[in-house]
Structure formats: structure tokens, C-alpha cells
Amino acid sequence: MTNVSLRESEVESDLRRALAERIESGALELPVLNQAATRVATLCNECNAEPRELADTLSRDPSLAGHVLRVSNSSTYAPVQPIVSLQQAISRLGMATLGQIAFAVAVGERVFEVPGHESWARELWRHSALCAGWSREISRVRRRNGETTFLCGLMHDVGLPILVQAAADMLRKSGSEAPRELLEPIVLELHGAAGAKLAEAWKMPEAVRETMLAHHDLARKLKHPEEVRTVALADLLSHWTVEHADESTADCVARLRGLALLEQLGLYDDELETLLERKECVLDFAGALS
């Protein structure tokens, strides 16, 4: 028993060191978005982009287009009538929102697919989708622009599936297994740094990169405190949504009252209550996205 434990400890130590070295050296293999998703992101950042071109780009990827329409019809966006075409979705929701949805779908399909750890990857993706939804709802309650916080919430844990894939590949090549109980503490420790590398490679806003690094370390000096704190609260609410599904809004308000994050974000009890009442919409959005 002791020898087995020692061996497991050695494997964990070697794996942690190897992953950290790959992150530091830039040797970590990073996912690449498909052409349609990349083009969608570009179009939505161009001031003179044509809605028709966005619709045409999405239509070339039937899976992406279908998923975008499904999310567009979720209660988060509350269409009065069902949205049945991409042109209609763009007209109703706008290019920026459609771009967010398309990008989120593409990230889920490309990054959160880990052969051998499908259940874990789905769990991670659902949490990220919930966090994106809660980040936007927090911004709405605070009357802030939610575009950047949505992206920060969506991407905050993206380093996790990247590292799970990298670790599983490394162990497989050495003939070892990659059980979750071995990988989880390692990837949780290193996922912020891995995510930051992806943010750099994908040329994402600095706020996204800082959120990846700081959402579990709010004591550090922050350049983008609004985004980081919003996602930190969204992270807590995402866990509440799953782990305390039957808890009433009033009980949750009472439990969270006094949390430093609420004071830092200027959220009072009535605003927190309004926010928590959006739980079903956030769940609907995450379900449609995942």
C-alpha cells in the first residue's frame, strides 16, 4: 500500500512539474477555433460589418448555426415570437449578442471536448455557461455593460479542460492512467496560468486574461476589478445554482449577506434578490448552450 501511495505521489509531482514547465515555456498545446467561429468573432468586432455576412458565415456551419438559434430562443433573450432564422436573430438581438452566442458555442464545441473525460468536461462546460449567464445578469442589475463580463465568465475556467487534455495525453504516452482524482488538484492549481496563455494566443481583452488569473485570488492588485469581482460572484452563484438548487431566494440572500464581494460591487439585499430571481433564465441559457 505504501509503495503504491509513493508511486502515485511521484506521478502527481512529476505531472504537476511537467505541466507547469509547458505553460511557462509556451509549449502547452492550445486549441484553435474553426474558421466560422473565428470569422464570426472578427465580424462582430468590425464597426462596418454587414449583418448579411454574419448570417452567411454562420450558415456555412450548420451545427454552429443551429446551436445559435437554440440559444437565441432561450428565456434569457425572451423573444416574443420564436426566432426561426439567423437574419431574424441578428435583427432581434443585434450582431454583438449573436457574436457572443456564436463564440460561446464554438468554445464549448472546440475546447470542452476531452476524450476519456467526457462527463467531467460536460460538468466544466456547464459551470462555464452558468458563470457567463450570471456574469451578464450581475452586470444588468448593476446597470453595467455585460459584453466583457459575459466573455470573462465564459472563459474564466478554460484552462481546466486544456490541462486535463494535456495531462491525459502525457500519462497515456507513458502507459499510465489519468483518473480524475489524480488530475483534479493539479489542474485546479495551474488552470489560471494555462487559461492566460490561451487568452494571449486568441488575442482576447486583458480583462479576460486577468479574470482567469485572479478570480480565486481577489487579494492581488487588480487592473480590472469590476470584471474580476463580477466573475468571482458569478462563480459562487453558479455553484449555488447546482449545489443548492432547492434553496429559496430569501435563504440565499441571508446566507450571502455580508459577503465582501457584494459590498465591493455595491449590491444591496434588494438588488441581490432581483438578481437571484433570474436563476431559471440563467439555467435555461446554460442548458441551451451546453
C-alpha atoms as a PDB file:
ATOM      1  CA  MET A   1       0.000   0.000   0.000  1.00  0.00           C
ATOM      2  CA  THR A   2       2.814   2.390   0.929  1.00  0.00           C
ATOM      3  CA  ASN A   3       4.666   1.711  -2.324  1.00  0.00           C
ATOM      4  CA  VAL A   4       1.516   2.404  -4.350  1.00  0.00           C
ATOM      5  CA  SER A   5       0.925   5.655  -2.481  1.00  0.00           C
ATOM      6  CA  LEU A   6       4.523   6.721  -3.026  1.00  0.00           C
ATOM      7  CA  ARG A   7       4.221   5.925  -6.725  1.00  0.00           C
ATOM      8  CA  GLU A   8       1.013   7.949  -7.019  1.00  0.00           C
ATOM      9  CA  SER A   9       2.675  10.849  -5.221  1.00  0.00           C
ATOM     10  CA  GLU A  10       5.637  10.714  -7.614  1.00  0.00           C
ATOM     11  CA  VAL A  11       3.341  10.653 -10.651  1.00  0.00           C
ATOM     12  CA  GLU A  12       1.378  13.636  -9.339  1.00  0.00           C
ATOM     13  CA  SER A  13       4.554  15.592  -8.593  1.00  0.00           C
ATOM     14  CA  ASP A  14       6.127  14.801 -11.977  1.00  0.00           C
ATOM     15  CA  LEU A  15       2.922  15.665 -13.817  1.00  0.00           C
ATOM     16  CA  ARG A  16       2.489  18.963 -11.996  1.00  0.00           C
ATOM     17  CA  ARG A  17       6.068  19.926 -12.790  1.00  0.00           C
ATOM     18  CA  ALA A  18       5.794  18.891 -16.435  1.00  0.00           C
ATOM     19  CA  LEU A  19       2.563  20.852 -16.975  1.00  0.00           C
ATOM     20  CA  ALA A  20       3.951  23.926 -15.216  1.00  0.00           C
ATOM     21  CA  GLU A  21       7.050  23.795 -17.433  1.00  0.00           C
ATOM     22  CA  ARG A  22       4.915  23.530 -20.572  1.00  0.00           C
ATOM     23  CA  ILE A  23       2.839  26.519 -19.524  1.00  0.00           C
ATOM     24  CA  GLU A  24       5.897  28.603 -18.671  1.00  0.00           C
ATOM     25  CA  SER A  25       7.784  27.723 -21.850  1.00  0.00           C
ATOM     26  CA  GLY A  26       4.793  28.190 -24.146  1.00  0.00           C
ATOM     27  CA  ALA A  27       4.895  24.520 -25.159  1.00  0.00           C
ATOM     28  CA  LEU A  28       1.357  23.781 -23.969  1.00  0.00           C
ATOM     29  CA  GLU A  29      -0.797  22.735 -26.916  1.00  0.00           C
ATOM     30  CA  LEU A  30      -3.672  25.202 -27.253  1.00  0.00           C
ATOM     31  CA  PRO A  31      -6.952  24.657 -29.135  1.00  0.00           C
ATOM     32  CA  VAL A  32      -7.747  26.623 -32.280  1.00  0.00           C
ATOM     33  CA  LEU A  33     -11.251  27.804 -33.181  1.00  0.00           C
ATOM     34  CA  ASN A  34     -12.710  26.732 -36.502  1.00  0.00           C
ATOM     35  CA  GLN A  35     -12.853  29.199 -39.396  1.00  0.00           C
ATOM     36  CA  ALA A  36     -16.535  30.031 -38.991  1.00  0.00           C
ATOM     37  CA  ALA A  37     -16.177  30.932 -35.310  1.00  0.00           C
ATOM     38  CA  THR A  38     -13.038  32.977 -35.951  1.00  0.00           C
ATOM     39  CA  ARG A  39     -14.764  34.885 -38.754  1.00  0.00           C
ATOM     40  CA  VAL A  40     -17.852  35.496 -36.603  1.00  0.00           C
ATOM     41  CA  ALA A  41     -15.701  36.978 -33.832  1.00  0.00           C
ATOM     42  CA  THR A  42     -13.928  39.222 -36.359  1.00  0.00           C
ATOM     43  CA  LEU A  43     -17.158  40.434 -37.952  1.00  0.00           C
ATOM     44  CA  CYS A  44     -18.738  41.310 -34.617  1.00  0.00           C
ATOM     45  CA  ASN A  45     -15.746  43.482 -33.759  1.00  0.00           C
ATOM     46  CA  GLU A  46     -15.884  45.394 -37.047  1.00  0.00           C
ATOM     47  CA  CYS A  47     -17.895  48.616 -36.921  1.00  0.00           C
ATOM     48  CA  ASN A  48     -18.897  48.403 -40.598  1.00  0.00           C
ATOM     49  CA  ALA A  49     -19.660  44.676 -40.705  1.00  0.00           C
ATOM     50  CA  GLU A  50     -22.812  43.639 -42.568  1.00  0.00           C
ATOM     51  CA  PRO A  51     -25.456  41.513 -40.797  1.00  0.00           C
ATOM     52  CA  ARG A  52     -25.909  39.549 -44.001  1.00  0.00           C
ATOM     53  CA  GLU A  53     -22.256  38.491 -43.967  1.00  0.00           C
ATOM     54  CA  LEU A  54     -22.587  37.304 -40.366  1.00  0.00           C
ATOM     55  CA  ALA A  55     -25.636  35.228 -41.294  1.00  0.00           C
ATOM     56  CA  ASP A  56     -23.843  33.772 -44.329  1.00  0.00           C
ATOM     57  CA  THR A  57     -20.793  32.879 -42.223  1.00  0.00           C
ATOM     58  CA  LEU A  58     -22.893  31.135 -39.601  1.00  0.00           C
ATOM     59  CA  SER A  59     -24.934  29.276 -42.214  1.00  0.00           C
ATOM     60  CA  ARG A  60     -21.771  27.599 -43.524  1.00  0.00           C
ATOM     61  CA  ASP A  61     -21.538  25.729 -40.225  1.00  0.00           C
ATOM     62  CA  PRO A  62     -24.944  24.042 -39.704  1.00  0.00           C
ATOM     63  CA  SER A  63     -24.068  22.796 -36.218  1.00  0.00           C
ATOM     64  CA  LEU A  64     -22.975  26.246 -35.074  1.00  0.00           C
ATOM     65  CA  ALA A  65     -25.980  27.935 -36.717  1.00  0.00           C
ATOM     66  CA  GLY A  66     -28.470  25.526 -35.172  1.00  0.00           C
ATOM     67  CA  HIS A  67     -26.963  25.919 -31.734  1.00  0.00           C
ATOM     68  CA  VAL A  68     -27.005  29.721 -32.058  1.00  0.00           C
ATOM     69  CA  LEU A  69     -30.711  29.676 -32.905  1.00  0.00           C
ATOM     70  CA  ARG A  70     -31.465  27.388 -29.953  1.00  0.00           C
ATOM     71  CA  VAL A  71     -29.687  29.719 -27.524  1.00  0.00           C
ATOM     72  CA  SER A  72     -31.344  32.764 -29.140  1.00  0.00           C
ATOM     73  CA  ASN A  73     -34.739  31.262 -28.290  1.00  0.00           C
ATOM     74  CA  SER A  74     -33.895  30.662 -24.624  1.00  0.00           C
ATOM     75  CA  SER A  75     -35.724  32.640 -21.952  1.00  0.00           C
ATOM     76  CA  THR A  76     -32.591  34.719 -21.374  1.00  0.00           C
ATOM     77  CA  TYR A  77     -33.379  36.646 -24.547  1.00  0.00           C
ATOM     78  CA  ALA A  78     -37.158  36.232 -24.151  1.00  0.00           C
ATOM     79  CA  PRO A  79     -38.233  36.527 -27.806  1.00  0.00           C
ATOM     80  CA  VAL A  80     -41.937  37.361 -28.124  1.00  0.00           C
ATOM     81  CA  GLN A  81     -42.144  35.084 -31.152  1.00  0.00           C
ATOM     82  CA  PRO A  82     -39.788  32.162 -31.895  1.00  0.00           C
ATOM     83  CA  ILE A  83     -36.645  33.133 -33.816  1.00  0.00           C
ATOM     84  CA  VAL A  84     -36.518  30.891 -36.868  1.00  0.00           C
ATOM     85  CA  SER A  85     -33.706  32.350 -38.986  1.00  0.00           C
ATOM     86  CA  LEU A  86     -30.248  33.809 -38.479  1.00  0.00           C
ATOM     87  CA  GLN A  87     -31.289  37.082 -40.104  1.00  0.00           C
ATOM     88  CA  GLN A  88     -34.196  37.317 -37.701  1.00  0.00           C
ATOM     89  CA  ALA A  89     -31.887  36.565 -34.770  1.00  0.00           C
ATOM     90  CA  ILE A  90     -29.495  39.324 -35.819  1.00  0.00           C
ATOM     91  CA  SER A  91     -32.381  41.757 -36.241  1.00  0.00           C
ATOM     92  CA  ARG A  92     -33.853  40.914 -32.817  1.00  0.00           C
ATOM     93  CA  LEU A  93     -30.695  40.533 -30.762  1.00  0.00           C
ATOM     94  CA  GLY A  94     -28.036  42.506 -32.632  1.00  0.00           C
ATOM     95  CA  MET A  95     -24.681  41.460 -34.011  1.00  0.00           C
ATOM     96  CA  ALA A  96     -22.844  41.844 -30.712  1.00  0.00           C
ATOM     97  CA  THR A  97     -25.150  39.450 -28.870  1.00  0.00           C
ATOM     98  CA  LEU A  98     -25.200  36.957 -31.751  1.00  0.00           C
ATOM     99  CA  GLY A  99     -21.428  37.126 -31.849  1.00  0.00           C
ATOM    100  CA  GLN A 100     -21.263  36.311 -28.139  1.00  0.00           C
ATOM    101  CA  ILE A 101     -23.568  33.344 -28.562  1.00  0.00           C
ATOM    102  CA  ALA A 102     -21.697  32.001 -31.586  1.00  0.00           C
ATOM    103  CA  PHE A 103     -18.341  32.394 -29.862  1.00  0.00           C
ATOM    104  CA  ALA A 104     -19.640  30.639 -26.737  1.00  0.00           C
ATOM    105  CA  VAL A 105     -20.980  27.727 -28.776  1.00  0.00           C
ATOM    106  CA  ALA A 106     -17.687  27.396 -30.642  1.00  0.00           C
ATOM    107  CA  VAL A 107     -15.659  27.431 -27.414  1.00  0.00           C
ATOM    108  CA  GLY A 108     -17.855  24.702 -25.958  1.00  0.00           C
ATOM    109  CA  GLU A 109     -17.504  22.505 -29.024  1.00  0.00           C
ATOM    110  CA  ARG A 110     -13.775  23.046 -29.508  1.00  0.00           C
ATOM    111  CA  VAL A 111     -12.280  23.438 -26.019  1.00  0.00           C
ATOM    112  CA  PHE A 112     -14.556  21.465 -23.699  1.00  0.00           C
ATOM    113  CA  GLU A 113     -14.260  18.156 -25.530  1.00  0.00           C
ATOM    114  CA  VAL A 114     -11.867  15.836 -23.686  1.00  0.00           C
ATOM    115  CA  PRO A 115     -11.872  12.179 -24.831  1.00  0.00           C
ATOM    116  CA  GLY A 116     -11.834   9.875 -21.838  1.00  0.00           C
ATOM    117  CA  HIS A 117     -13.152  12.599 -19.543  1.00  0.00           C
ATOM    118  CA  GLU A 118     -16.421  13.452 -21.291  1.00  0.00           C
ATOM    119  CA  SER A 119     -18.530  13.659 -18.124  1.00  0.00           C
ATOM    120  CA  TRP A 120     -16.019  15.910 -16.369  1.00  0.00           C
ATOM    121  CA  ALA A 121     -15.715  18.117 -19.474  1.00  0.00           C
ATOM    122  CA  ARG A 122     -19.512  18.495 -19.653  1.00  0.00           C
ATOM    123  CA  GLU A 123     -19.555  19.441 -15.972  1.00  0.00           C
ATOM    124  CA  LEU A 124     -16.871  22.068 -16.570  1.00  0.00           C
ATOM    125  CA  TRP A 125     -18.685  23.453 -19.595  1.00  0.00           C
ATOM    126  CA  ARG A 126     -21.991  23.697 -17.773  1.00  0.00           C
ATOM    127  CA  HIS A 127     -20.282  25.626 -14.977  1.00  0.00           C
ATOM    128  CA  SER A 128     -18.696  27.996 -17.502  1.00  0.00           C
ATOM    129  CA  ALA A 129     -22.043  28.550 -19.232  1.00  0.00           C
ATOM    130  CA  LEU A 130     -23.714  29.262 -15.881  1.00  0.00           C
ATOM    131  CA  CYS A 131     -20.924  31.639 -14.946  1.00  0.00           C
ATOM    132  CA  ALA A 132     -21.288  33.520 -18.238  1.00  0.00           C
ATOM    133  CA  GLY A 133     -25.027  33.833 -17.663  1.00  0.00           C
ATOM    134  CA  TRP A 134     -24.664  35.006 -14.079  1.00  0.00           C
ATOM    135  CA  SER A 135     -21.889  37.454 -15.049  1.00  0.00           C
ATOM    136  CA  ARG A 136     -24.208  39.120 -17.541  1.00  0.00           C
ATOM    137  CA  GLU A 137     -27.109  39.193 -15.049  1.00  0.00           C
ATOM    138  CA  ILE A 138     -24.896  40.803 -12.386  1.00  0.00           C
ATOM    139  CA  SER A 139     -23.884  43.479 -14.907  1.00  0.00           C
ATOM    140  CA  ARG A 140     -27.540  44.081 -15.792  1.00  0.00           C
ATOM    141  CA  VAL A 141     -28.584  44.521 -12.170  1.00  0.00           C
ATOM    142  CA  ARG A 142     -25.672  46.941 -11.685  1.00  0.00           C
ATOM    143  CA  ARG A 143     -26.570  48.734 -14.944  1.00  0.00           C
ATOM    144  CA  ARG A 144     -23.209  47.976 -16.498  1.00  0.00           C
ATOM    145  CA  ASN A 145     -22.326  46.777 -19.979  1.00  0.00           C
ATOM    146  CA  GLY A 146     -22.340  42.990 -19.818  1.00  0.00           C
ATOM    147  CA  GLU A 147     -20.436  42.128 -23.002  1.00  0.00           C
ATOM    148  CA  THR A 148     -16.986  41.911 -21.446  1.00  0.00           C
ATOM    149  CA  THR A 149     -18.153  40.317 -18.199  1.00  0.00           C
ATOM    150  CA  PHE A 150     -20.048  37.682 -20.184  1.00  0.00           C
ATOM    151  CA  LEU A 151     -16.833  36.807 -22.019  1.00  0.00           C
ATOM    152  CA  CYS A 152     -14.838  36.808 -18.779  1.00  0.00           C
ATOM    153  CA  GLY A 153     -17.357  34.494 -17.136  1.00  0.00           C
ATOM    154  CA  LEU A 154     -17.426  32.173 -20.121  1.00  0.00           C
ATOM    155  CA  MET A 155     -13.638  31.861 -20.290  1.00  0.00           C
ATOM    156  CA  HIS A 156     -12.633  32.035 -16.613  1.00  0.00           C
ATOM    157  CA  ASP A 157     -12.019  28.274 -16.257  1.00  0.00           C
ATOM    158  CA  VAL A 158     -10.990  27.490 -19.833  1.00  0.00           C
ATOM    159  CA  GLY A 159      -7.562  26.384 -18.636  1.00  0.00           C
ATOM    160  CA  LEU A 160      -9.116  23.356 -16.922  1.00  0.00           C
ATOM    161  CA  PRO A 161     -10.120  21.300 -19.987  1.00  0.00           C
ATOM    162  CA  ILE A 162      -6.903  22.314 -21.743  1.00  0.00           C
ATOM    163  CA  LEU A 163      -4.831  20.925 -18.882  1.00  0.00           C
ATOM    164  CA  VAL A 164      -6.971  17.814 -18.460  1.00  0.00           C
ATOM    165  CA  GLN A 165      -6.364  17.023 -22.123  1.00  0.00           C
ATOM    166  CA  ALA A 166      -2.630  17.745 -21.885  1.00  0.00           C
ATOM    167  CA  ALA A 167      -2.211  15.687 -18.708  1.00  0.00           C
ATOM    168  CA  ALA A 168      -4.209  12.759 -20.057  1.00  0.00           C
ATOM    169  CA  ASP A 169      -2.099  12.756 -23.229  1.00  0.00           C
ATOM    170  CA  MET A 170       1.140  12.817 -21.248  1.00  0.00           C
ATOM    171  CA  LEU A 171       0.092   9.967 -18.957  1.00  0.00           C
ATOM    172  CA  ARG A 172      -1.236   7.909 -21.859  1.00  0.00           C
ATOM    173  CA  LYS A 173       2.113   8.131 -23.650  1.00  0.00           C
ATOM    174  CA  SER A 174       3.854   6.823 -20.530  1.00  0.00           C
ATOM    175  CA  GLY A 175       1.376   3.965 -20.229  1.00  0.00           C
ATOM    176  CA  SER A 176      -0.306   5.393 -17.124  1.00  0.00           C
ATOM    177  CA  GLU A 177      -3.958   6.065 -16.407  1.00  0.00           C
ATOM    178  CA  ALA A 178      -5.352   9.567 -15.891  1.00  0.00           C
ATOM    179  CA  PRO A 179      -8.076   9.320 -13.209  1.00  0.00           C
ATOM    180  CA  ARG A 180      -9.896  12.482 -12.231  1.00  0.00           C
ATOM    181  CA  GLU A 181      -8.830  12.204  -8.600  1.00  0.00           C
ATOM    182  CA  LEU A 182      -5.198  12.430  -9.706  1.00  0.00           C
ATOM    183  CA  LEU A 183      -5.670  15.233 -12.241  1.00  0.00           C
ATOM    184  CA  GLU A 184      -8.129  17.493 -10.438  1.00  0.00           C
ATOM    185  CA  PRO A 185      -5.861  19.074  -7.775  1.00  0.00           C
ATOM    186  CA  ILE A 186      -3.145  19.657 -10.377  1.00  0.00           C
ATOM    187  CA  VAL A 187      -5.316  21.319 -12.999  1.00  0.00           C
ATOM    188  CA  LEU A 188      -7.125  23.423 -10.388  1.00  0.00           C
ATOM    189  CA  GLU A 189      -3.783  24.772  -9.245  1.00  0.00           C
ATOM    190  CA  LEU A 190      -2.499  25.590 -12.741  1.00  0.00           C
ATOM    191  CA  HIS A 191      -5.630  26.432 -14.750  1.00  0.00           C
ATOM    192  CA  GLY A 192      -5.359  30.200 -14.392  1.00  0.00           C
ATOM    193  CA  ALA A 193      -1.903  30.316 -15.958  1.00  0.00           C
ATOM    194  CA  ALA A 194      -2.948  27.912 -18.735  1.00  0.00           C
ATOM    195  CA  GLY A 195      -6.036  29.986 -19.497  1.00  0.00           C
ATOM    196  CA  ALA A 196      -3.949  33.153 -19.644  1.00  0.00           C
ATOM    197  CA  LYS A 197      -1.798  31.564 -22.355  1.00  0.00           C
ATOM    198  CA  LEU A 198      -4.921  30.868 -24.396  1.00  0.00           C
ATOM    199  CA  ALA A 199      -6.139  34.436 -23.872  1.00  0.00           C
ATOM    200  CA  GLU A 200      -2.847  35.706 -25.269  1.00  0.00           C
ATOM    201  CA  ALA A 201      -2.935  33.317 -28.236  1.00  0.00           C
ATOM    202  CA  TRP A 202      -6.518  34.266 -29.091  1.00  0.00           C
ATOM    203  CA  LYS A 203      -5.777  37.990 -28.553  1.00  0.00           C
ATOM    204  CA  MET A 204      -8.562  38.361 -26.016  1.00  0.00           C
ATOM    205  CA  PRO A 205      -9.143  41.503 -23.896  1.00  0.00           C
ATOM    206  CA  GLU A 206      -6.785  41.985 -20.964  1.00  0.00           C
ATOM    207  CA  ALA A 207      -9.756  41.805 -18.591  1.00  0.00           C
ATOM    208  CA  VAL A 208     -10.368  38.199 -19.690  1.00  0.00           C
ATOM    209  CA  ARG A 209      -6.778  37.239 -19.027  1.00  0.00           C
ATOM    210  CA  GLU A 210      -6.753  38.883 -15.594  1.00  0.00           C
ATOM    211  CA  THR A 211     -10.037  37.208 -14.664  1.00  0.00           C
ATOM    212  CA  MET A 212      -8.534  33.819 -15.467  1.00  0.00           C
ATOM    213  CA  LEU A 213      -5.602  34.536 -13.175  1.00  0.00           C
ATOM    214  CA  ALA A 214      -7.357  36.355 -10.345  1.00  0.00           C
ATOM    215  CA  HIS A 215     -10.922  35.075  -9.838  1.00  0.00           C
ATOM    216  CA  HIS A 216      -9.662  32.856  -6.992  1.00  0.00           C
ATOM    217  CA  ASP A 217      -7.151  35.444  -5.733  1.00  0.00           C
ATOM    218  CA  LEU A 218      -9.022  38.698  -5.138  1.00  0.00           C
ATOM    219  CA  ALA A 219      -6.385  39.975  -2.715  1.00  0.00           C
ATOM    220  CA  ARG A 220      -3.985  40.700  -5.574  1.00  0.00           C
ATOM    221  CA  LYS A 221      -3.807  44.167  -7.112  1.00  0.00           C
ATOM    222  CA  LEU A 222      -6.327  44.281  -9.961  1.00  0.00           C
ATOM    223  CA  LYS A 223      -6.335  46.305 -13.151  1.00  0.00           C
ATOM    224  CA  HIS A 224      -9.889  45.220 -13.942  1.00  0.00           C
ATOM    225  CA  PRO A 225     -11.594  44.857 -10.540  1.00  0.00           C
ATOM    226  CA  GLU A 226     -15.139  45.183 -11.943  1.00  0.00           C
ATOM    227  CA  GLU A 227     -14.774  42.206 -14.268  1.00  0.00           C
ATOM    228  CA  VAL A 228     -12.798  40.027 -11.853  1.00  0.00           C
ATOM    229  CA  ARG A 229     -15.163  40.617  -8.920  1.00  0.00           C
ATOM    230  CA  THR A 230     -18.234  40.142 -11.111  1.00  0.00           C
ATOM    231  CA  VAL A 231     -16.952  36.759 -12.265  1.00  0.00           C
ATOM    232  CA  ALA A 232     -15.934  35.783  -8.720  1.00  0.00           C
ATOM    233  CA  LEU A 233     -19.541  36.390  -7.603  1.00  0.00           C
ATOM    234  CA  ALA A 234     -20.891  34.647 -10.719  1.00  0.00           C
ATOM    235  CA  ASP A 235     -18.669  31.673  -9.880  1.00  0.00           C
ATOM    236  CA  LEU A 236     -20.238  31.450  -6.421  1.00  0.00           C
ATOM    237  CA  LEU A 237     -23.750  31.767  -7.846  1.00  0.00           C
ATOM    238  CA  SER A 238     -23.017  29.077 -10.428  1.00  0.00           C
ATOM    239  CA  HIS A 239     -22.107  26.654  -7.660  1.00  0.00           C
ATOM    240  CA  TRP A 240     -25.211  27.747  -5.700  1.00  0.00           C
ATOM    241  CA  THR A 241     -27.389  27.052  -8.737  1.00  0.00           C
ATOM    242  CA  VAL A 242     -26.208  23.436  -8.834  1.00  0.00           C
ATOM    243  CA  GLU A 243     -25.360  22.603  -5.221  1.00  0.00           C
ATOM    244  CA  HIS A 244     -28.247  24.431  -3.504  1.00  0.00           C
ATOM    245  CA  ALA A 245     -30.904  24.022  -6.179  1.00  0.00           C
ATOM    246  CA  ASP A 246     -33.756  23.863  -3.646  1.00  0.00           C
ATOM    247  CA  GLU A 247     -32.661  26.810  -1.520  1.00  0.00           C
ATOM    248  CA  SER A 248     -35.052  29.758  -1.589  1.00  0.00           C
ATOM    249  CA  THR A 249     -34.011  33.190  -2.781  1.00  0.00           C
ATOM    250  CA  ALA A 250     -34.557  34.605   0.712  1.00  0.00           C
ATOM    251  CA  ASP A 251     -32.360  31.952   2.314  1.00  0.00           C
ATOM    252  CA  CYS A 252     -29.611  32.542  -0.226  1.00  0.00           C
ATOM    253  CA  VAL A 253     -29.742  36.313   0.353  1.00  0.00           C
ATOM    254  CA  ALA A 254     -29.448  35.703   4.100  1.00  0.00           C
ATOM    255  CA  ARG A 255     -26.500  33.330   3.590  1.00  0.00           C
ATOM    256  CA  LEU A 256     -24.619  35.693   1.262  1.00  0.00           C
ATOM    257  CA  ARG A 257     -25.342  38.861   3.264  1.00  0.00           C
ATOM    258  CA  GLY A 258     -22.104  40.434   4.448  1.00  0.00           C
ATOM    259  CA  LEU A 259     -20.009  38.904   1.676  1.00  0.00           C
ATOM    260  CA  ALA A 260     -17.204  41.326   0.842  1.00  0.00           C
ATOM    261  CA  LEU A 261     -17.821  40.897  -2.892  1.00  0.00           C
ATOM    262  CA  LEU A 262     -21.345  42.293  -2.530  1.00  0.00           C
ATOM    263  CA  GLU A 263     -20.053  45.422  -0.839  1.00  0.00           C
ATOM    264  CA  GLN A 264     -17.268  45.823  -3.408  1.00  0.00           C
ATOM    265  CA  LEU A 265     -19.789  45.548  -6.239  1.00  0.00           C
ATOM    266  CA  GLY A 266     -22.297  47.805  -4.486  1.00  0.00           C
ATOM    267  CA  LEU A 267     -25.050  45.172  -4.410  1.00  0.00           C
ATOM    268  CA  TYR A 268     -27.682  45.575  -1.696  1.00  0.00           C
ATOM    269  CA  ASP A 269     -30.143  42.951  -0.495  1.00  0.00           C
ATOM    270  CA  ASP A 270     -32.953  44.043  -2.815  1.00  0.00           C
ATOM    271  CA  GLU A 271     -30.641  44.006  -5.827  1.00  0.00           C
ATOM    272  CA  LEU A 272     -29.261  40.616  -4.828  1.00  0.00           C
ATOM    273  CA  GLU A 273     -32.809  39.305  -4.525  1.00  0.00           C
ATOM    274  CA  THR A 274     -33.645  40.662  -8.001  1.00  0.00           C
ATOM    275  CA  LEU A 275     -30.504  39.002  -9.318  1.00  0.00           C
ATOM    276  CA  LEU A 276     -31.241  35.608  -7.764  1.00  0.00           C
ATOM    277  CA  GLU A 277     -34.750  35.623  -9.198  1.00  0.00           C
ATOM    278  CA  ARG A 278     -33.099  35.295 -12.620  1.00  0.00           C
ATOM    279  CA  LYS A 279     -31.907  31.779 -11.745  1.00  0.00           C
ATOM    280  CA  GLU A 280     -34.310  29.988 -14.079  1.00  0.00           C
ATOM    281  CA  CYS A 281     -33.283  32.213 -17.006  1.00  0.00           C
ATOM    282  CA  VAL A 282     -29.615  31.504 -16.314  1.00  0.00           C
ATOM    283  CA  LEU A 283     -30.331  27.787 -16.095  1.00  0.00           C
ATOM    284  CA  ASP A 284     -32.255  27.923 -19.383  1.00  0.00           C
ATOM    285  CA  PHE A 285     -29.390  29.755 -21.067  1.00  0.00           C
ATOM    286  CA  ALA A 286     -26.778  27.296 -19.779  1.00  0.00           C
ATOM    287  CA  GLY A 287     -28.938  24.365 -20.845  1.00  0.00           C
ATOM    288  CA  ALA A 288     -29.335  25.750 -24.348  1.00  0.00           C
ATOM    289  CA  LEU A 289     -25.632  26.491 -24.608  1.00  0.00           C
ATOM    290  CA  SER A 290     -24.473  23.116 -23.320  1.00  0.00           C
END
